[in-house]
Amino acid sequence: MKLAKSVILLFTITFVVLNLAGAKENADSFSGKWVLDKHSPRPGDAPNNMETKIKQDNSGLTIESTFKEPDNGVLPLLYLGVMTDKLHLTTDGQEQQSQIGPFMATFKSSIDGNKLMTDWAAQIKGDQVQGHWVHTLSDDGKHMTLEIKESSTHTQHAETTLYFVRK
């Protein structure tokens, strides 16, 4: 009887420790399913019904998103790369090229603590466009902000922040 209680206690302690370790790992990782936070400010041109799934591993981050296409079929330039079905970002600071819709874009990303910083550039209809994203994970791992900045050689400039909550 005493052995059975010891075994149960050991399993209980092991279960709690493993769950706490998993929660800590989850809080430190961008991995997971994210949706736009309905309780935070939202720009009028933000993607509707956007859900983002992020997988973080040693090769970087793979971001898969679903969203409702704009009624006019035209995605705002500000969201180039954000409103895409799938994007892989290496986090070693090296440039990489990815096809985003009809455009070829160059991305360079790195992680510093709870921040993923990405610089990108693309040539769109003869115009050089560049942008900067900062994904910031909250300390508890339940919220993520995405600061977006975009500008072009034709003096277009836009910026916004999207607020996500872990689903």
N, C-alpha and C. Protein backbone atom coordinates (compact mmCIF):
# COMPACT_ATOMS: atom_id res chain seq x y z
N MET A 1 0.82 -1.18 0.00
CA MET A 1 0.00 0.00 0.00
C MET A 1 0.87 1.26 0.00
N LYS A 2 1.92 1.23 0.81
CA LYS A 2 2.82 2.38 0.89
C LYS A 2 3.53 2.59 -0.45
N LEU A 3 3.90 1.49 -1.10
CA LEU A 3 4.55 1.57 -2.41
C LEU A 3 3.61 2.18 -3.45
N ALA A 4 2.35 1.81 -3.41
CA ALA A 4 1.37 2.35 -4.36
C ALA A 4 1.22 3.86 -4.17
N LYS A 5 1.17 4.34 -2.92
CA LYS A 5 1.07 5.78 -2.66
C LYS A 5 2.32 6.50 -3.16
N SER A 6 3.48 5.90 -2.98
CA SER A 6 4.73 6.51 -3.45
C SER A 6 4.75 6.60 -4.97
N VAL A 7 4.28 5.56 -5.63
CA VAL A 7 4.24 5.55 -7.10
C VAL A 7 3.27 6.63 -7.60
N ILE A 8 2.10 6.72 -6.97
CA ILE A 8 1.11 7.74 -7.36
C ILE A 8 1.69 9.13 -7.14
N LEU A 9 2.33 9.36 -6.00
CA LEU A 9 2.94 10.65 -5.72
C LEU A 9 4.02 10.98 -6.76
N LEU A 10 4.85 10.00 -7.10
CA LEU A 10 5.90 10.20 -8.09
C LEU A 10 5.30 10.57 -9.45
N PHE A 11 4.26 9.86 -9.89
CA PHE A 11 3.60 10.17 -11.16
C PHE A 11 2.97 11.57 -11.14
N THR A 12 2.37 11.94 -10.01
CA THR A 12 1.75 13.26 -9.88
C THR A 12 2.80 14.36 -10.01
N ILE A 13 3.90 14.19 -9.30
CA ILE A 13 4.99 15.19 -9.37
C ILE A 13 5.55 15.26 -10.78
N THR A 14 5.78 14.12 -11.40
CA THR A 14 6.30 14.10 -12.78
C THR A 14 5.34 14.80 -13.73
N PHE A 15 4.04 14.53 -13.60
CA PHE A 15 3.03 15.14 -14.46
C PHE A 15 3.04 16.66 -14.32
N VAL A 16 3.07 17.15 -13.08
CA VAL A 16 3.08 18.60 -12.82
C VAL A 16 4.34 19.24 -13.39
N VAL A 17 5.49 18.63 -13.15
CA VAL A 17 6.75 19.19 -13.66
C VAL A 17 6.75 19.24 -15.19
N LEU A 18 6.31 18.17 -15.84
CA LEU A 18 6.27 18.16 -17.30
C LEU A 18 5.30 19.20 -17.85
N ASN A 19 4.15 19.37 -17.20
CA ASN A 19 3.20 20.38 -17.65
C ASN A 19 3.76 21.79 -17.47
N LEU A 20 4.43 22.04 -16.36
CA LEU A 20 5.03 23.36 -16.15
C LEU A 20 6.13 23.62 -17.17
N ALA A 21 6.94 22.62 -17.46
CA ALA A 21 8.00 22.77 -18.46
C ALA A 21 7.39 23.05 -19.82
N GLY A 22 6.31 22.36 -20.16
CA GLY A 22 5.64 22.59 -21.43
C GLY A 22 5.03 23.97 -21.51
N ALA A 23 4.45 24.45 -20.42
CA ALA A 23 3.86 25.79 -20.41
C ALA A 23 4.94 26.85 -20.58
N LYS A 24 6.07 26.66 -19.93
CA LYS A 24 7.17 27.62 -20.05
C LYS A 24 7.69 27.64 -21.48
N GLU A 25 7.86 26.46 -22.09
CA GLU A 25 8.34 26.38 -23.46
C GLU A 25 7.34 27.07 -24.40
N ASN A 26 6.06 26.86 -24.17
CA ASN A 26 5.02 27.45 -24.98
C ASN A 26 5.04 28.98 -24.87
N ALA A 27 5.25 29.50 -23.66
CA ALA A 27 5.27 30.95 -23.44
C ALA A 27 6.46 31.60 -24.13
N ASP A 28 7.54 30.86 -24.33
CA ASP A 28 8.74 31.40 -24.97
C ASP A 28 8.74 31.22 -26.48
N SER A 29 7.73 30.60 -27.03
CA SER A 29 7.73 30.24 -28.44
C SER A 29 6.60 30.96 -29.19
N PHE A 30 6.89 31.33 -30.42
CA PHE A 30 5.87 31.91 -31.29
C PHE A 30 4.94 30.82 -31.83
N SER A 31 5.33 29.55 -31.67
CA SER A 31 4.55 28.44 -32.20
C SER A 31 3.14 28.44 -31.64
N GLY A 32 2.20 28.13 -32.51
CA GLY A 32 0.81 28.01 -32.07
C GLY A 32 -0.14 28.63 -33.07
N LYS A 33 -1.41 28.62 -32.72
CA LYS A 33 -2.44 29.24 -33.54
C LYS A 33 -2.79 30.59 -32.95
N TRP A 34 -2.87 31.59 -33.81
CA TRP A 34 -3.11 32.97 -33.40
C TRP A 34 -4.28 33.55 -34.19
N VAL A 35 -5.12 34.35 -33.52
CA VAL A 35 -6.21 35.05 -34.18
C VAL A 35 -6.14 36.53 -33.78
N LEU A 36 -6.69 37.39 -34.64
CA LEU A 36 -6.73 38.81 -34.28
C LEU A 36 -7.56 38.98 -33.02
N ASP A 37 -7.04 39.76 -32.09
CA ASP A 37 -7.69 39.99 -30.80
C ASP A 37 -8.88 40.93 -31.00
N LYS A 38 -10.07 40.45 -30.69
CA LYS A 38 -11.29 41.24 -30.88
C LYS A 38 -11.41 42.36 -29.85
N HIS A 39 -10.62 42.31 -28.78
CA HIS A 39 -10.69 43.31 -27.72
C HIS A 39 -9.61 44.38 -27.85
N SER A 40 -8.86 44.37 -28.93
CA SER A 40 -7.79 45.36 -29.15
C SER A 40 -8.13 46.21 -30.36
N PRO A 41 -7.48 47.39 -30.46
CA PRO A 41 -7.72 48.24 -31.64
C PRO A 41 -7.39 47.48 -32.92
N ARG A 42 -8.17 47.75 -33.96
CA ARG A 42 -7.97 47.06 -35.24
C ARG A 42 -8.13 48.04 -36.37
N PRO A 43 -7.10 48.15 -37.24
CA PRO A 43 -7.22 49.06 -38.38
C PRO A 43 -8.35 48.63 -39.31
N GLY A 44 -8.98 49.59 -39.97
CA GLY A 44 -10.10 49.30 -40.86
C GLY A 44 -9.75 48.40 -42.02
N ASP A 45 -8.49 48.46 -42.46
CA ASP A 45 -8.10 47.63 -43.61
C ASP A 45 -7.42 46.32 -43.19
N ALA A 46 -7.50 45.99 -41.89
CA ALA A 46 -6.88 44.75 -41.40
C ALA A 46 -7.57 43.55 -42.03
N PRO A 47 -6.84 42.46 -42.22
CA PRO A 47 -7.43 41.26 -42.81
C PRO A 47 -8.61 40.75 -41.97
N ASN A 48 -9.69 40.40 -42.64
CA ASN A 48 -10.86 39.86 -41.93
C ASN A 48 -10.69 38.36 -41.68
N ASN A 49 -11.15 37.92 -40.51
CA ASN A 49 -11.12 36.50 -40.14
C ASN A 49 -9.73 35.90 -40.26
N MET A 50 -8.71 36.65 -39.93
CA MET A 50 -7.34 36.16 -40.07
C MET A 50 -6.98 35.21 -38.93
N GLU A 51 -6.50 34.03 -39.32
CA GLU A 51 -5.94 33.07 -38.39
C GLU A 51 -4.55 32.72 -38.87
N THR A 52 -3.61 32.70 -37.95
CA THR A 52 -2.22 32.42 -38.30
C THR A 52 -1.71 31.26 -37.46
N LYS A 53 -1.07 30.32 -38.13
CA LYS A 53 -0.46 29.19 -37.44
C LYS A 53 1.05 29.33 -37.64
N ILE A 54 1.78 29.37 -36.54
CA ILE A 54 3.24 29.53 -36.60
C ILE A 54 3.89 28.27 -36.05
N LYS A 55 4.85 27.75 -36.80
CA LYS A 55 5.65 26.61 -36.34
C LYS A 55 7.09 27.10 -36.25
N GLN A 56 7.64 27.08 -35.05
CA GLN A 56 9.01 27.53 -34.82
C GLN A 56 9.88 26.31 -34.55
N ASP A 57 10.98 26.21 -35.31
CA ASP A 57 11.93 25.12 -35.08
C ASP A 57 13.34 25.65 -35.37
N ASN A 58 14.30 24.75 -35.45
CA ASN A 58 15.70 25.18 -35.65
C ASN A 58 15.94 25.84 -37.00
N SER A 59 15.06 25.60 -37.98
CA SER A 59 15.26 26.21 -39.31
C SER A 59 14.63 27.59 -39.40
N GLY A 60 13.86 27.99 -38.39
CA GLY A 60 13.21 29.30 -38.41
C GLY A 60 11.74 29.17 -38.08
N LEU A 61 10.92 30.00 -38.74
CA LEU A 61 9.49 29.98 -38.50
C LEU A 61 8.75 29.78 -39.81
N THR A 62 7.74 28.93 -39.77
CA THR A 62 6.84 28.77 -40.90
C THR A 62 5.51 29.37 -40.46
N ILE A 63 5.03 30.32 -41.25
CA ILE A 63 3.80 31.03 -40.93
C ILE A 63 2.76 30.69 -41.99
N GLU A 64 1.66 30.09 -41.57
CA GLU A 64 0.56 29.76 -42.47
C GLU A 64 -0.65 30.57 -42.03
N SER A 65 -1.26 31.30 -42.96
CA SER A 65 -2.39 32.16 -42.60
C SER A 65 -3.60 31.89 -43.48
N THR A 66 -4.75 32.08 -42.88
CA THR A 66 -6.01 32.08 -43.62
C THR A 66 -6.71 33.39 -43.29
N PHE A 67 -7.42 33.92 -44.26
CA PHE A 67 -8.11 35.20 -44.07
C PHE A 67 -9.14 35.34 -45.19
N LYS A 68 -10.08 36.24 -44.98
CA LYS A 68 -11.08 36.52 -46.00
C LYS A 68 -10.46 37.51 -46.99
N GLU A 69 -10.48 37.15 -48.26
CA GLU A 69 -9.96 38.05 -49.29
C GLU A 69 -10.77 39.35 -49.29
N PRO A 70 -10.12 40.49 -49.54
CA PRO A 70 -10.88 41.74 -49.63
C PRO A 70 -11.93 41.65 -50.75
N ASP A 71 -13.06 42.31 -50.56
CA ASP A 71 -14.15 42.27 -51.54
C ASP A 71 -13.69 42.71 -52.93
N ASN A 72 -12.77 43.69 -52.99
CA ASN A 72 -12.30 44.18 -54.29
C ASN A 72 -11.16 43.34 -54.85
N GLY A 73 -10.71 42.32 -54.10
CA GLY A 73 -9.67 41.41 -54.58
C GLY A 73 -8.26 41.99 -54.51
N VAL A 74 -8.11 43.21 -53.99
CA VAL A 74 -6.80 43.87 -53.93
C VAL A 74 -6.33 43.92 -52.48
N LEU A 75 -5.18 43.30 -52.23
CA LEU A 75 -4.60 43.33 -50.89
C LEU A 75 -3.83 44.64 -50.70
N PRO A 76 -4.03 45.34 -49.59
CA PRO A 76 -3.25 46.55 -49.34
C PRO A 76 -1.75 46.22 -49.30
N LEU A 77 -0.94 47.06 -49.94
CA LEU A 77 0.50 46.85 -50.00
C LEU A 77 1.11 46.72 -48.61
N LEU A 78 0.54 47.40 -47.64
CA LEU A 78 1.02 47.34 -46.26
C LEU A 78 1.08 45.91 -45.74
N TYR A 79 0.18 45.05 -46.22
CA TYR A 79 0.10 43.68 -45.72
C TYR A 79 0.81 42.67 -46.61
N LEU A 80 1.68 43.14 -47.53
CA LEU A 80 2.45 42.23 -48.37
C LEU A 80 3.26 41.30 -47.47
N GLY A 81 3.10 40.01 -47.65
CA GLY A 81 3.81 39.03 -46.84
C GLY A 81 3.06 38.62 -45.59
N VAL A 82 2.21 39.51 -45.07
CA VAL A 82 1.40 39.18 -43.90
C VAL A 82 0.17 38.40 -44.38
N MET A 83 -0.45 38.90 -45.44
CA MET A 83 -1.62 38.23 -46.02
C MET A 83 -1.13 37.31 -47.14
N THR A 84 -0.52 36.23 -46.74
CA THR A 84 -0.06 35.21 -47.67
C THR A 84 -0.36 33.85 -47.04
N ASP A 85 -0.58 32.86 -47.88
CA ASP A 85 -0.96 31.54 -47.36
C ASP A 85 0.14 30.91 -46.52
N LYS A 86 1.39 30.98 -47.00
CA LYS A 86 2.49 30.32 -46.30
C LYS A 86 3.79 31.06 -46.56
N LEU A 87 4.55 31.28 -45.50
CA LEU A 87 5.82 31.97 -45.60
C LEU A 87 6.78 31.34 -44.59
N HIS A 88 7.98 31.00 -45.05
CA HIS A 88 9.01 30.48 -44.14
C HIS A 88 10.07 31.57 -43.97
N LEU A 89 10.38 31.88 -42.73
CA LEU A 89 11.41 32.86 -42.41
C LEU A 89 12.54 32.18 -41.66
N THR A 90 13.75 32.27 -42.20
CA THR A 90 14.90 31.80 -41.43
C THR A 90 15.21 32.90 -40.42
N THR A 91 15.79 32.55 -39.30
CA THR A 91 16.04 33.55 -38.26
C THR A 91 17.53 33.75 -38.00
N ASP A 92 18.34 33.41 -39.01
CA ASP A 92 19.79 33.54 -38.86
C ASP A 92 20.33 34.86 -39.40
N GLY A 93 19.44 35.78 -39.80
CA GLY A 93 19.87 37.08 -40.30
C GLY A 93 20.31 37.07 -41.76
N GLN A 94 20.21 35.92 -42.42
CA GLN A 94 20.60 35.82 -43.83
C GLN A 94 19.41 36.16 -44.73
N GLU A 95 19.69 36.78 -45.87
CA GLU A 95 18.63 37.09 -46.82
C GLU A 95 18.12 35.82 -47.49
N GLN A 96 16.82 35.80 -47.74
CA GLN A 96 16.21 34.69 -48.47
C GLN A 96 15.13 35.27 -49.37
N GLN A 97 14.88 34.61 -50.48
CA GLN A 97 13.85 35.06 -51.40
C GLN A 97 12.64 34.15 -51.33
N SER A 98 11.45 34.75 -51.42
CA SER A 98 10.21 33.99 -51.42
C SER A 98 9.23 34.63 -52.40
N GLN A 99 8.45 33.79 -53.02
CA GLN A 99 7.39 34.26 -53.92
C GLN A 99 6.18 34.62 -53.08
N ILE A 100 5.72 35.86 -53.19
CA ILE A 100 4.53 36.33 -52.48
C ILE A 100 3.54 36.77 -53.55
N GLY A 101 2.58 35.92 -53.83
CA GLY A 101 1.64 36.21 -54.93
C GLY A 101 2.44 36.35 -56.21
N PRO A 102 2.22 37.44 -56.97
CA PRO A 102 2.96 37.62 -58.23
C PRO A 102 4.34 38.25 -58.03
N PHE A 103 4.73 38.53 -56.79
CA PHE A 103 5.97 39.27 -56.52
C PHE A 103 7.03 38.38 -55.88
N MET A 104 8.28 38.65 -56.20
CA MET A 104 9.41 38.01 -55.54
C MET A 104 9.89 38.99 -54.47
N ALA A 105 9.99 38.52 -53.24
CA ALA A 105 10.40 39.39 -52.14
C ALA A 105 11.61 38.79 -51.45
N THR A 106 12.42 39.66 -50.85
CA THR A 106 13.58 39.27 -50.08
C THR A 106 13.29 39.54 -48.61
N PHE A 107 13.57 38.56 -47.76
CA PHE A 107 13.32 38.68 -46.33
C PHE A 107 14.62 38.43 -45.56
N LYS A 108 14.78 39.14 -44.46
CA LYS A 108 15.91 38.92 -43.55
C LYS A 108 15.37 39.05 -42.14
N SER A 109 15.43 37.96 -41.36
CA SER A 109 14.83 37.93 -40.03
C SER A 109 15.82 37.48 -38.97
N SER A 110 15.56 37.94 -37.76
CA SER A 110 16.34 37.50 -36.61
C SER A 110 15.46 37.57 -35.37
N ILE A 111 15.81 36.78 -34.37
CA ILE A 111 15.08 36.76 -33.11
C ILE A 111 15.99 37.32 -32.02
N ASP A 112 15.41 38.21 -31.22
CA ASP A 112 16.11 38.76 -30.06
C ASP A 112 15.15 38.67 -28.88
N GLY A 113 15.34 37.65 -28.06
CA GLY A 113 14.45 37.44 -26.92
C GLY A 113 13.04 37.12 -27.39
N ASN A 114 12.09 38.00 -27.03
CA ASN A 114 10.69 37.77 -27.39
C ASN A 114 10.29 38.53 -28.66
N LYS A 115 11.27 38.99 -29.43
CA LYS A 115 10.99 39.75 -30.65
C LYS A 115 11.55 39.04 -31.89
N LEU A 116 10.71 38.97 -32.91
CA LEU A 116 11.12 38.50 -34.23
C LEU A 116 11.10 39.72 -35.13
N MET A 117 12.26 40.10 -35.65
CA MET A 117 12.37 41.28 -36.51
C MET A 117 12.65 40.85 -37.94
N THR A 118 11.89 41.42 -38.86
CA THR A 118 12.02 41.07 -40.27
C THR A 118 12.08 42.33 -41.12
N ASP A 119 13.08 42.40 -41.99
CA ASP A 119 13.16 43.44 -43.03
C ASP A 119 12.87 42.75 -44.35
N TRP A 120 12.08 43.39 -45.19
CA TRP A 120 11.76 42.80 -46.49
C TRP A 120 11.80 43.87 -47.57
N ALA A 121 11.96 43.40 -48.80
CA ALA A 121 11.98 44.31 -49.96
C ALA A 121 11.41 43.56 -51.15
N ALA A 122 10.76 44.32 -52.05
CA ALA A 122 10.21 43.74 -53.27
C ALA A 122 10.15 44.82 -54.34
N GLN A 123 10.16 44.39 -55.58
CA GLN A 123 10.02 45.28 -56.74
C GLN A 123 8.59 45.07 -57.25
N ILE A 124 7.78 46.12 -57.20
CA ILE A 124 6.38 46.00 -57.59
C ILE A 124 6.06 47.08 -58.62
N LYS A 125 5.79 46.62 -59.83
CA LYS A 125 5.46 47.53 -60.95
C LYS A 125 6.50 48.65 -61.08
N GLY A 126 7.78 48.25 -61.02
CA GLY A 126 8.86 49.22 -61.18
C GLY A 126 9.15 50.06 -59.95
N ASP A 127 8.48 49.80 -58.88
CA ASP A 127 8.65 50.58 -57.65
C ASP A 127 9.32 49.71 -56.59
N GLN A 128 10.40 50.21 -56.00
CA GLN A 128 11.07 49.49 -54.91
C GLN A 128 10.27 49.72 -53.62
N VAL A 129 9.81 48.63 -53.03
CA VAL A 129 9.03 48.70 -51.80
C VAL A 129 9.79 47.94 -50.72
N GLN A 130 9.82 48.52 -49.52
CA GLN A 130 10.48 47.83 -48.41
C GLN A 130 9.63 47.96 -47.17
N GLY A 131 9.87 47.05 -46.25
CA GLY A 131 9.10 47.07 -45.02
C GLY A 131 9.86 46.48 -43.86
N HIS A 132 9.26 46.64 -42.70
CA HIS A 132 9.86 46.13 -41.46
C HIS A 132 8.72 45.63 -40.59
N TRP A 133 8.88 44.41 -40.06
CA TRP A 133 7.91 43.83 -39.13
C TRP A 133 8.60 43.55 -37.81
N VAL A 134 7.87 43.73 -36.74
CA VAL A 134 8.33 43.27 -35.44
C VAL A 134 7.18 42.50 -34.79
N HIS A 135 7.38 41.18 -34.66
CA HIS A 135 6.46 40.34 -33.89
C HIS A 135 6.98 40.36 -32.46
N THR A 136 6.13 40.70 -31.50
CA THR A 136 6.54 40.70 -30.09
C THR A 136 5.61 39.80 -29.30
N LEU A 137 6.20 38.85 -28.62
CA LEU A 137 5.47 37.89 -27.81
C LEU A 137 5.38 38.42 -26.38
N SER A 138 4.18 38.37 -25.78
CA SER A 138 4.01 38.82 -24.40
C SER A 138 4.75 37.87 -23.45
N ASP A 139 5.01 38.36 -22.24
CA ASP A 139 5.74 37.55 -21.27
C ASP A 139 5.04 36.24 -20.95
N ASP A 140 3.70 36.26 -20.94
CA ASP A 140 2.97 35.03 -20.62
C ASP A 140 2.73 34.16 -21.86
N GLY A 141 3.14 34.63 -23.05
CA GLY A 141 3.01 33.86 -24.27
C GLY A 141 1.60 33.78 -24.82
N LYS A 142 0.66 34.56 -24.27
CA LYS A 142 -0.73 34.49 -24.70
C LYS A 142 -1.10 35.54 -25.73
N HIS A 143 -0.28 36.57 -25.89
CA HIS A 143 -0.55 37.67 -26.83
C HIS A 143 0.68 37.93 -27.69
N MET A 144 0.42 38.41 -28.89
CA MET A 144 1.50 38.76 -29.82
C MET A 144 1.07 40.01 -30.57
N THR A 145 1.99 40.96 -30.69
CA THR A 145 1.73 42.13 -31.53
C THR A 145 2.58 42.01 -32.78
N LEU A 146 2.07 42.57 -33.86
CA LEU A 146 2.81 42.63 -35.12
C LEU A 146 2.80 44.08 -35.58
N GLU A 147 3.96 44.73 -35.43
CA GLU A 147 4.11 46.10 -35.91
C GLU A 147 4.57 46.02 -37.36
N ILE A 148 3.88 46.75 -38.24
CA ILE A 148 4.16 46.69 -39.67
C ILE A 148 4.47 48.10 -40.18
N LYS A 149 5.57 48.22 -40.90
CA LYS A 149 5.92 49.48 -41.57
C LYS A 149 6.25 49.15 -43.02
N GLU A 150 5.79 50.02 -43.92
CA GLU A 150 6.02 49.81 -45.35
C GLU A 150 6.21 51.16 -46.01
N SER A 151 7.16 51.22 -46.96
CA SER A 151 7.36 52.46 -47.72
C SER A 151 7.86 52.10 -49.12
N SER A 152 7.68 53.06 -50.03
CA SER A 152 8.11 52.84 -51.40
C SER A 152 8.84 54.07 -51.90
N THR A 153 9.51 53.91 -53.04
CA THR A 153 10.25 55.03 -53.62
C THR A 153 9.30 56.10 -54.16
N HIS A 154 8.04 55.76 -54.33
CA HIS A 154 7.05 56.74 -54.80
C HIS A 154 6.34 57.41 -53.62
N THR A 155 7.05 57.58 -52.53
CA THR A 155 6.64 58.29 -51.32
C THR A 155 5.44 57.70 -50.59
N GLN A 156 5.09 56.47 -50.89
CA GLN A 156 4.03 55.83 -50.11
C GLN A 156 4.64 55.37 -48.80
N HIS A 157 3.92 55.61 -47.72
CA HIS A 157 4.37 55.16 -46.41
C HIS A 157 3.14 54.79 -45.59
N ALA A 158 3.18 53.63 -44.95
CA ALA A 158 2.08 53.21 -44.10
C ALA A 158 2.62 52.39 -42.94
N GLU A 159 1.92 52.44 -41.84
CA GLU A 159 2.28 51.60 -40.70
C GLU A 159 1.04 51.31 -39.88
N THR A 160 1.07 50.17 -39.21
CA THR A 160 -0.03 49.76 -38.36
C THR A 160 0.47 48.70 -37.38
N THR A 161 -0.36 48.37 -36.43
CA THR A 161 -0.07 47.30 -35.49
C THR A 161 -1.28 46.38 -35.42
N LEU A 162 -1.02 45.08 -35.53
CA LEU A 162 -2.06 44.07 -35.36
C LEU A 162 -1.82 43.38 -34.03
N TYR A 163 -2.91 43.07 -33.34
CA TYR A 163 -2.85 42.43 -32.03
C TYR A 163 -3.46 41.04 -32.13
N PHE A 164 -2.70 40.04 -31.73
CA PHE A 164 -3.14 38.65 -31.80
C PHE A 164 -3.27 38.07 -30.41
N VAL A 165 -4.12 37.06 -30.32
CA VAL A 165 -4.26 36.28 -29.09
C VAL A 165 -4.09 34.81 -29.46
N ARG A 166 -3.43 34.06 -28.59
CA ARG A 166 -3.22 32.64 -28.83
C ARG A 166 -4.56 31.92 -28.73
N LYS A 167 -4.83 31.08 -29.71
CA LYS A 167 -6.11 30.36 -29.75
C LYS A 167 -6.00 29.04 -29.03
